[in-house]
Amino acid sequence: MSRIDENRPFLPVNIAVLTVSDSRTEENDTSGKTLVERIAAAGHKLVEKVIVVDSRDLIVEQLNRWIADPKVDVIISTGGTGLTGRDVTAEAFHAVYDKEIVGFGELFRQISYSKIGTSTMQSRATGGVAHGTYLFALPGSPGACRDGWDDILRWQLDSRHRPCNLVELMPRLMEHLQPLAGD
């Protein structure tokens, strides 16, 4: 069973939050605020929070900006993961991934199923890695953000989490770009 190993040091990670919405502002972005509050409470650093309209190109542009920034370890978005014509977050994330973390979406929907039943099939929550940066796209409700953070990301972004966590993999995410010994 998973647990926190208090003998290991906590290593805070730098996180950027992206809200994808045609209607949210800083004043009414409850989902983005939910993530920001939880990130701070867990001891991580919020690098930046941005709101972008539901445009695949604008989302990709913002993701690429953060992926290129060495100060950003993780990007978490909220919104645009549904099935309507304006929901293009999953497509934008897939456009920048080097590798998809398929288990993130699967686990999110499993957790969500226990709370909202079959309605969870409408979620296209997704996770992946791009140029050494983790990316996670959550649905646009505060409840979905709580589920994604409290039940998955809080644990996987804690360097003390056992038996394994995403933080301990961070130094190795770019090893495919390094020359092999003897080359």
C-alpha atoms as a PDB file:
ATOM      1  CA  MET A   1       0.000   0.000   0.000  1.00  0.00           C
ATOM      2  CA  SER A   2       1.173   3.547  -0.670  1.00  0.00           C
ATOM      3  CA  ARG A   3       2.464   5.668   2.166  1.00  0.00           C
ATOM      4  CA  ILE A   4       4.569   8.711   3.021  1.00  0.00           C
ATOM      5  CA  ASP A   5       8.073   7.832   4.199  1.00  0.00           C
ATOM      6  CA  GLU A   6       8.921  10.539   6.753  1.00  0.00           C
ATOM      7  CA  ASN A   7      12.600   9.502   6.584  1.00  0.00           C
ATOM      8  CA  ARG A   8      12.823  10.888   3.042  1.00  0.00           C
ATOM      9  CA  PRO A   9      13.094  14.638   2.360  1.00  0.00           C
ATOM     10  CA  PHE A  10      10.173  16.558   0.866  1.00  0.00           C
ATOM     11  CA  LEU A  11      11.240  18.170  -2.420  1.00  0.00           C
ATOM     12  CA  PRO A  12       8.885  20.948  -3.541  1.00  0.00           C
ATOM     13  CA  VAL A  13       8.180  21.124  -7.266  1.00  0.00           C
ATOM     14  CA  ASN A  14       7.419  24.181  -9.392  1.00  0.00           C
ATOM     15  CA  ILE A  15       3.910  24.061 -10.811  1.00  0.00           C
ATOM     16  CA  ALA A  16       2.103  26.190 -13.394  1.00  0.00           C
ATOM     17  CA  VAL A  17      -1.712  26.212 -13.492  1.00  0.00           C
ATOM     18  CA  LEU A  18      -3.682  26.736 -16.701  1.00  0.00           C
ATOM     19  CA  THR A  19      -7.413  27.366 -16.715  1.00  0.00           C
ATOM     20  CA  VAL A  20      -8.991  26.720 -20.115  1.00  0.00           C
ATOM     21  CA  SER A  21     -12.287  28.572 -20.466  1.00  0.00           C
ATOM     22  CA  ASP A  22     -14.186  31.051 -22.595  1.00  0.00           C
ATOM     23  CA  SER A  23     -16.035  32.393 -19.558  1.00  0.00           C
ATOM     24  CA  ARG A  24     -13.715  32.281 -16.514  1.00  0.00           C
ATOM     25  CA  THR A  25     -11.913  35.302 -15.096  1.00  0.00           C
ATOM     26  CA  GLU A  26      -9.551  35.550 -12.130  1.00  0.00           C
ATOM     27  CA  GLU A  27     -12.575  36.517 -10.017  1.00  0.00           C
ATOM     28  CA  ASN A  28     -14.738  33.486 -10.860  1.00  0.00           C
ATOM     29  CA  ASP A  29     -12.118  30.818 -11.621  1.00  0.00           C
ATOM     30  CA  THR A  30     -13.019  28.509  -8.729  1.00  0.00           C
ATOM     31  CA  SER A  31     -11.320  25.470 -10.276  1.00  0.00           C
ATOM     32  CA  GLY A  32      -8.021  27.274 -10.797  1.00  0.00           C
ATOM     33  CA  LYS A  33      -8.214  28.654  -7.255  1.00  0.00           C
ATOM     34  CA  THR A  34      -8.847  25.141  -5.931  1.00  0.00           C
ATOM     35  CA  LEU A  35      -5.623  23.925  -7.549  1.00  0.00           C
ATOM     36  CA  VAL A  36      -3.600  26.964  -6.420  1.00  0.00           C
ATOM     37  CA  GLU A  37      -4.725  26.519  -2.805  1.00  0.00           C
ATOM     38  CA  ARG A  38      -3.912  22.800  -2.801  1.00  0.00           C
ATOM     39  CA  ILE A  39      -0.506  23.321  -4.414  1.00  0.00           C
ATOM     40  CA  ALA A  40       0.454  25.847  -1.729  1.00  0.00           C
ATOM     41  CA  ALA A  41      -0.939  23.714   1.109  1.00  0.00           C
ATOM     42  CA  ALA A  42       1.171  20.766  -0.078  1.00  0.00           C
ATOM     43  CA  GLY A  43       4.350  22.879   0.050  1.00  0.00           C
ATOM     44  CA  HIS A  44       4.924  23.249  -3.686  1.00  0.00           C
ATOM     45  CA  LYS A  45       5.634  26.503  -5.530  1.00  0.00           C
ATOM     46  CA  LEU A  46       3.148  28.100  -7.923  1.00  0.00           C
ATOM     47  CA  VAL A  47       5.240  29.501 -10.772  1.00  0.00           C
ATOM     48  CA  GLU A  48       2.362  31.083 -12.697  1.00  0.00           C
ATOM     49  CA  LYS A  49      -1.390  30.853 -13.252  1.00  0.00           C
ATOM     50  CA  VAL A  50      -2.904  31.743 -16.619  1.00  0.00           C
ATOM     51  CA  ILE A  51      -6.398  31.656 -18.139  1.00  0.00           C
ATOM     52  CA  VAL A  52      -6.602  30.808 -21.858  1.00  0.00           C
ATOM     53  CA  VAL A  53      -9.719  30.586 -24.031  1.00  0.00           C
ATOM     54  CA  ASP A  54     -10.743  27.257 -25.575  1.00  0.00           C
ATOM     55  CA  SER A  55      -8.382  27.429 -28.553  1.00  0.00           C
ATOM     56  CA  ARG A  56      -6.119  24.492 -29.391  1.00  0.00           C
ATOM     57  CA  ASP A  57      -3.437  26.812 -30.797  1.00  0.00           C
ATOM     58  CA  LEU A  58      -3.442  29.154 -27.778  1.00  0.00           C
ATOM     59  CA  ILE A  59      -3.327  26.221 -25.355  1.00  0.00           C
ATOM     60  CA  VAL A  60      -0.412  24.640 -27.243  1.00  0.00           C
ATOM     61  CA  GLU A  61       1.374  28.008 -27.296  1.00  0.00           C
ATOM     62  CA  GLN A  62       1.040  28.389 -23.505  1.00  0.00           C
ATOM     63  CA  LEU A  63       2.057  24.773 -22.862  1.00  0.00           C
ATOM     64  CA  ASN A  64       5.147  25.157 -25.048  1.00  0.00           C
ATOM     65  CA  ARG A  65       6.102  28.373 -23.256  1.00  0.00           C
ATOM     66  CA  TRP A  66       6.040  26.568 -19.906  1.00  0.00           C
ATOM     67  CA  ILE A  67       7.648  23.373 -21.249  1.00  0.00           C
ATOM     68  CA  ALA A  68      10.597  25.503 -22.441  1.00  0.00           C
ATOM     69  CA  ASP A  69      10.887  27.227 -19.043  1.00  0.00           C
ATOM     70  CA  PRO A  70      13.362  25.361 -16.797  1.00  0.00           C
ATOM     71  CA  LYS A  71      11.574  26.811 -13.744  1.00  0.00           C
ATOM     72  CA  VAL A  72       8.403  24.779 -14.533  1.00  0.00           C
ATOM     73  CA  ASP A  73       8.410  21.121 -13.466  1.00  0.00           C
ATOM     74  CA  VAL A  74       4.673  20.415 -13.739  1.00  0.00           C
ATOM     75  CA  ILE A  75       1.724  21.924 -15.617  1.00  0.00           C
ATOM     76  CA  ILE A  76      -1.804  21.268 -14.384  1.00  0.00           C
ATOM     77  CA  SER A  77      -4.773  22.493 -16.365  1.00  0.00           C
ATOM     78  CA  THR A  78      -8.465  22.626 -15.605  1.00  0.00           C
ATOM     79  CA  GLY A  79     -11.206  22.793 -18.218  1.00  0.00           C
ATOM     80  CA  GLY A  80     -11.782  21.790 -21.813  1.00  0.00           C
ATOM     81  CA  THR A  81     -11.577  18.014 -21.324  1.00  0.00           C
ATOM     82  CA  GLY A  82     -15.182  17.239 -22.224  1.00  0.00           C
ATOM     83  CA  LEU A  83     -16.827  16.236 -25.491  1.00  0.00           C
ATOM     84  CA  THR A  84     -18.249  19.459 -26.912  1.00  0.00           C
ATOM     85  CA  GLY A  85     -16.852  21.205 -29.951  1.00  0.00           C
ATOM     86  CA  ARG A  86     -15.065  23.816 -27.811  1.00  0.00           C
ATOM     87  CA  ASP A  87     -13.359  21.167 -25.617  1.00  0.00           C
ATOM     88  CA  VAL A  88      -9.887  20.977 -27.168  1.00  0.00           C
ATOM     89  CA  THR A  89      -7.574  20.681 -24.163  1.00  0.00           C
ATOM     90  CA  ALA A  90      -6.904  16.968 -24.676  1.00  0.00           C
ATOM     91  CA  GLU A  91      -5.969  17.572 -28.319  1.00  0.00           C
ATOM     92  CA  ALA A  92      -3.619  20.398 -27.320  1.00  0.00           C
ATOM     93  CA  PHE A  93      -1.927  18.259 -24.667  1.00  0.00           C
ATOM     94  CA  HIS A  94      -1.519  15.323 -27.042  1.00  0.00           C
ATOM     95  CA  ALA A  95       0.085  17.679 -29.577  1.00  0.00           C
ATOM     96  CA  VAL A  96       2.968  18.438 -27.176  1.00  0.00           C
ATOM     97  CA  TYR A  97       3.475  15.093 -25.402  1.00  0.00           C
ATOM     98  CA  ASP A  98       6.666  13.107 -25.796  1.00  0.00           C
ATOM     99  CA  LYS A  99       4.981  10.331 -23.809  1.00  0.00           C
ATOM    100  CA  GLU A 100       1.455   9.934 -22.516  1.00  0.00           C
ATOM    101  CA  ILE A 101       0.907   8.773 -18.934  1.00  0.00           C
ATOM    102  CA  VAL A 102      -2.114   6.661 -19.817  1.00  0.00           C
ATOM    103  CA  GLY A 103      -2.588   5.513 -16.216  1.00  0.00           C
ATOM    104  CA  PHE A 104      -3.337   9.068 -15.069  1.00  0.00           C
ATOM    105  CA  GLY A 105      -6.532   9.346 -17.134  1.00  0.00           C
ATOM    106  CA  GLU A 106      -7.534   5.805 -16.269  1.00  0.00           C
ATOM    107  CA  LEU A 107      -7.017   6.353 -12.541  1.00  0.00           C
ATOM    108  CA  PHE A 108      -8.784   9.723 -12.622  1.00  0.00           C
ATOM    109  CA  ARG A 109     -11.847   8.153 -14.244  1.00  0.00           C
ATOM    110  CA  GLN A 110     -11.808   5.258 -11.752  1.00  0.00           C
ATOM    111  CA  ILE A 111     -11.800   7.713  -8.836  1.00  0.00           C
ATOM    112  CA  SER A 112     -14.429   9.851 -10.535  1.00  0.00           C
ATOM    113  CA  TYR A 113     -16.644   6.820 -11.201  1.00  0.00           C
ATOM    114  CA  SER A 114     -16.920   6.170  -7.468  1.00  0.00           C
ATOM    115  CA  LYS A 115     -18.336   9.707  -7.077  1.00  0.00           C
ATOM    116  CA  ILE A 116     -20.340  10.469 -10.231  1.00  0.00           C
ATOM    117  CA  GLY A 117     -20.912   7.052 -11.776  1.00  0.00           C
ATOM    118  CA  THR A 118     -21.019   6.550 -15.518  1.00  0.00           C
ATOM    119  CA  SER A 119     -20.925  10.306 -16.191  1.00  0.00           C
ATOM    120  CA  THR A 120     -17.153   9.987 -15.801  1.00  0.00           C
ATOM    121  CA  MET A 121     -16.956   8.504 -19.301  1.00  0.00           C
ATOM    122  CA  GLN A 122     -17.361  12.068 -20.593  1.00  0.00           C
ATOM    123  CA  SER A 123     -14.000  13.089 -19.100  1.00  0.00           C
ATOM    124  CA  ARG A 124     -10.919  13.099 -21.272  1.00  0.00           C
ATOM    125  CA  ALA A 125      -8.546  13.851 -18.400  1.00  0.00           C
ATOM    126  CA  THR A 126      -5.027  13.121 -19.568  1.00  0.00           C
ATOM    127  CA  GLY A 127      -1.424  13.183 -18.404  1.00  0.00           C
ATOM    128  CA  GLY A 128       1.942  13.065 -20.074  1.00  0.00           C
ATOM    129  CA  VAL A 129       5.527  14.248 -20.295  1.00  0.00           C
ATOM    130  CA  ALA A 130       6.964  16.822 -22.693  1.00  0.00           C
ATOM    131  CA  HIS A 131      10.666  17.685 -22.730  1.00  0.00           C
ATOM    132  CA  GLY A 132      11.055  16.759 -19.063  1.00  0.00           C
ATOM    133  CA  THR A 133       7.892  18.543 -17.868  1.00  0.00           C
ATOM    134  CA  TYR A 134       4.880  16.694 -16.476  1.00  0.00           C
ATOM    135  CA  LEU A 135       1.482  17.769 -17.820  1.00  0.00           C
ATOM    136  CA  PHE A 136      -1.937  16.908 -16.386  1.00  0.00           C
ATOM    137  CA  ALA A 137      -5.301  18.027 -17.767  1.00  0.00           C
ATOM    138  CA  LEU A 138      -8.255  17.898 -15.380  1.00  0.00           C
ATOM    139  CA  PRO A 139     -11.925  18.679 -16.011  1.00  0.00           C
ATOM    140  CA  GLY A 140     -13.173  22.185 -15.268  1.00  0.00           C
ATOM    141  CA  SER A 141     -15.104  21.639 -12.047  1.00  0.00           C
ATOM    142  CA  PRO A 142     -13.719  22.297  -8.564  1.00  0.00           C
ATOM    143  CA  GLY A 143     -14.777  18.763  -7.587  1.00  0.00           C
ATOM    144  CA  ALA A 144     -12.757  17.239 -10.422  1.00  0.00           C
ATOM    145  CA  CYS A 145      -9.757  19.369  -9.436  1.00  0.00           C
ATOM    146  CA  ARG A 146     -10.077  18.192  -5.843  1.00  0.00           C
ATOM    147  CA  ASP A 147     -10.304  14.567  -6.984  1.00  0.00           C
ATOM    148  CA  GLY A 148      -7.315  14.868  -9.313  1.00  0.00           C
ATOM    149  CA  TRP A 149      -5.165  16.658  -6.754  1.00  0.00           C
ATOM    150  CA  ASP A 150      -6.240  15.012  -3.497  1.00  0.00           C
ATOM    151  CA  ASP A 151      -6.381  11.442  -4.784  1.00  0.00           C
ATOM    152  CA  ILE A 152      -3.562  11.351  -7.359  1.00  0.00           C
ATOM    153  CA  LEU A 153      -1.284  14.344  -7.871  1.00  0.00           C
ATOM    154  CA  ARG A 154      -0.756  15.217  -4.213  1.00  0.00           C
ATOM    155  CA  TRP A 155       0.746  11.772  -3.718  1.00  0.00           C
ATOM    156  CA  GLN A 156       2.661  11.382  -6.956  1.00  0.00           C
ATOM    157  CA  LEU A 157       4.220  14.858  -6.628  1.00  0.00           C
ATOM    158  CA  ASP A 158       5.424  14.117  -3.073  1.00  0.00           C
ATOM    159  CA  SER A 159       9.024  12.877  -3.096  1.00  0.00           C
ATOM    160  CA  ARG A 160       8.346  10.914   0.097  1.00  0.00           C
ATOM    161  CA  HIS A 161       5.558   8.800  -1.419  1.00  0.00           C
ATOM    162  CA  ARG A 162       6.328   5.081  -1.483  1.00  0.00           C
ATOM    163  CA  PRO A 163       6.644   2.731  -3.227  1.00  0.00           C
ATOM    164  CA  CYS A 164       7.375   5.270  -5.995  1.00  0.00           C
ATOM    165  CA  ASN A 165       6.516   8.769  -7.179  1.00  0.00           C
ATOM    166  CA  LEU A 166       6.934  11.042 -10.181  1.00  0.00           C
ATOM    167  CA  VAL A 167       9.401  13.371  -8.454  1.00  0.00           C
ATOM    168  CA  GLU A 168      12.097  10.715  -8.202  1.00  0.00           C
ATOM    169  CA  LEU A 169      11.855  10.205 -11.976  1.00  0.00           C
ATOM    170  CA  MET A 170      12.385  13.884 -12.824  1.00  0.00           C
ATOM    171  CA  PRO A 171      16.194  13.694 -13.163  1.00  0.00           C
ATOM    172  CA  ARG A 172      15.785  10.866 -15.689  1.00  0.00           C
ATOM    173  CA  LEU A 173      13.043  12.289 -17.912  1.00  0.00           C
ATOM    174  CA  MET A 174      15.552  13.714 -20.396  1.00  0.00           C
ATOM    175  CA  GLU A 175      18.067  10.857 -20.437  1.00  0.00           C
ATOM    176  CA  HIS A 176      17.066   9.865 -23.970  1.00  0.00           C
ATOM    177  CA  LEU A 177      18.649  13.128 -25.138  1.00  0.00           C
ATOM    178  CA  GLN A 178      22.012  12.428 -23.472  1.00  0.00           C
ATOM    179  CA  PRO A 179      24.775  10.587 -25.335  1.00  0.00           C
ATOM    180  CA  LEU A 180      25.450   7.031 -24.258  1.00  0.00           C
ATOM    181  CA  ALA A 181      28.695   6.264 -22.447  1.00  0.00           C
ATOM    182  CA  GLY A 182      31.466   5.676 -24.988  1.00  0.00           C
ATOM    183  CA  ASP A 183      29.786   7.752 -27.726  1.00  0.00           C
END
